[in-house]
Amino acid sequence: MLGLRYYVCEACDAVHADVGEPTACGRCGDGAFVDVSATVRGDDYFTRGLSRNS
């Protein structure tokens, strides 16, 4: 099984998780991505601005 990789769209900062680089951003349609898999430290990377009580 392949692990997920995390890619950030350079145009709108949307984060995509997939086994390979996306061909187009699901939010803006752009095709330029940066692989940020090595900088992701866990679920808190994506939820640090959210409150569990909201």
C-alpha atoms as a PDB file:
ATOM      1  CA  MET A   1       0.000   0.000   0.000  1.00  0.00           C
ATOM      2  CA  LEU A   2       1.300   3.448  -0.914  1.00  0.00           C
ATOM      3  CA  GLY A   3       1.304   6.216   1.658  1.00  0.00           C
ATOM      4  CA  LEU A   4      -0.446   9.521   1.173  1.00  0.00           C
ATOM      5  CA  ARG A   5       1.593  12.529   0.120  1.00  0.00           C
ATOM      6  CA  TYR A   6       0.495  16.101   0.836  1.00  0.00           C
ATOM      7  CA  TYR A   7       0.595  18.764  -1.863  1.00  0.00           C
ATOM      8  CA  VAL A   8      -0.134  22.484  -1.555  1.00  0.00           C
ATOM      9  CA  CYS A   9      -1.497  24.401  -4.529  1.00  0.00           C
ATOM     10  CA  GLU A  10       0.840  27.326  -5.244  1.00  0.00           C
ATOM     11  CA  ALA A  11      -2.050  29.495  -6.450  1.00  0.00           C
ATOM     12  CA  CYS A  12      -4.565  29.180  -3.589  1.00  0.00           C
ATOM     13  CA  ASP A  13      -2.810  27.217  -0.776  1.00  0.00           C
ATOM     14  CA  ALA A  14      -5.349  24.365  -0.838  1.00  0.00           C
ATOM     15  CA  VAL A  15      -3.869  21.127   0.540  1.00  0.00           C
ATOM     16  CA  HIS A  16      -4.437  17.898  -1.377  1.00  0.00           C
ATOM     17  CA  ALA A  17      -3.677  14.396  -0.069  1.00  0.00           C
ATOM     18  CA  ASP A  18      -3.027  11.677  -2.633  1.00  0.00           C
ATOM     19  CA  VAL A  19      -0.548   8.941  -3.538  1.00  0.00           C
ATOM     20  CA  GLY A  20       0.659  11.037  -6.499  1.00  0.00           C
ATOM     21  CA  GLU A  21       0.797  14.706  -7.435  1.00  0.00           C
ATOM     22  CA  PRO A  22      -2.616  16.018  -8.548  1.00  0.00           C
ATOM     23  CA  THR A  23      -2.995  17.256 -12.119  1.00  0.00           C
ATOM     24  CA  ALA A  24      -5.212  20.196 -11.141  1.00  0.00           C
ATOM     25  CA  CYS A  25      -6.319  21.878  -7.929  1.00  0.00           C
ATOM     26  CA  GLY A  26      -9.833  20.985  -6.837  1.00  0.00           C
ATOM     27  CA  ARG A  27     -10.407  24.551  -5.618  1.00  0.00           C
ATOM     28  CA  CYS A  28      -8.918  26.810  -8.311  1.00  0.00           C
ATOM     29  CA  GLY A  29      -7.921  24.498 -11.181  1.00  0.00           C
ATOM     30  CA  ASP A  30      -4.230  25.480 -11.166  1.00  0.00           C
ATOM     31  CA  GLY A  31      -1.642  22.767 -11.816  1.00  0.00           C
ATOM     32  CA  ALA A  32       1.385  23.939  -9.789  1.00  0.00           C
ATOM     33  CA  PHE A  33       1.958  22.100  -6.500  1.00  0.00           C
ATOM     34  CA  VAL A  34       4.574  21.854  -3.764  1.00  0.00           C
ATOM     35  CA  ASP A  35       5.050  18.528  -1.965  1.00  0.00           C
ATOM     36  CA  VAL A  36       4.911  19.313   1.776  1.00  0.00           C
ATOM     37  CA  SER A  37       4.820  15.704   2.992  1.00  0.00           C
ATOM     38  CA  ALA A  38       8.162  16.050   4.803  1.00  0.00           C
ATOM     39  CA  THR A  39       6.951  19.089   6.776  1.00  0.00           C
ATOM     40  CA  VAL A  40       3.629  17.633   7.946  1.00  0.00           C
ATOM     41  CA  ARG A  41       3.849  16.698  11.614  1.00  0.00           C
ATOM     42  CA  GLY A  42       0.470  15.047  12.097  1.00  0.00           C
ATOM     43  CA  ASP A  43      -3.226  15.889  12.161  1.00  0.00           C
ATOM     44  CA  ASP A  44      -2.623  19.072  14.164  1.00  0.00           C
ATOM     45  CA  TYR A  45      -0.894  20.547  11.084  1.00  0.00           C
ATOM     46  CA  PHE A  46      -4.290  20.719   9.374  1.00  0.00           C
ATOM     47  CA  THR A  47      -6.485  21.411  12.419  1.00  0.00           C
ATOM     48  CA  ARG A  48      -4.390  23.832  14.485  1.00  0.00           C
ATOM     49  CA  GLY A  49      -6.909  26.638  13.930  1.00  0.00           C
ATOM     50  CA  LEU A  50      -9.945  24.573  14.872  1.00  0.00           C
ATOM     51  CA  SER A  51     -11.411  24.129  18.329  1.00  0.00           C
ATOM     52  CA  ARG A  52     -12.664  20.719  19.427  1.00  0.00           C
ATOM     53  CA  ASN A  53     -15.478  22.415  21.378  1.00  0.00           C
ATOM     54  CA  SER A  54     -16.968  24.387  18.489  1.00  0.00           C
END
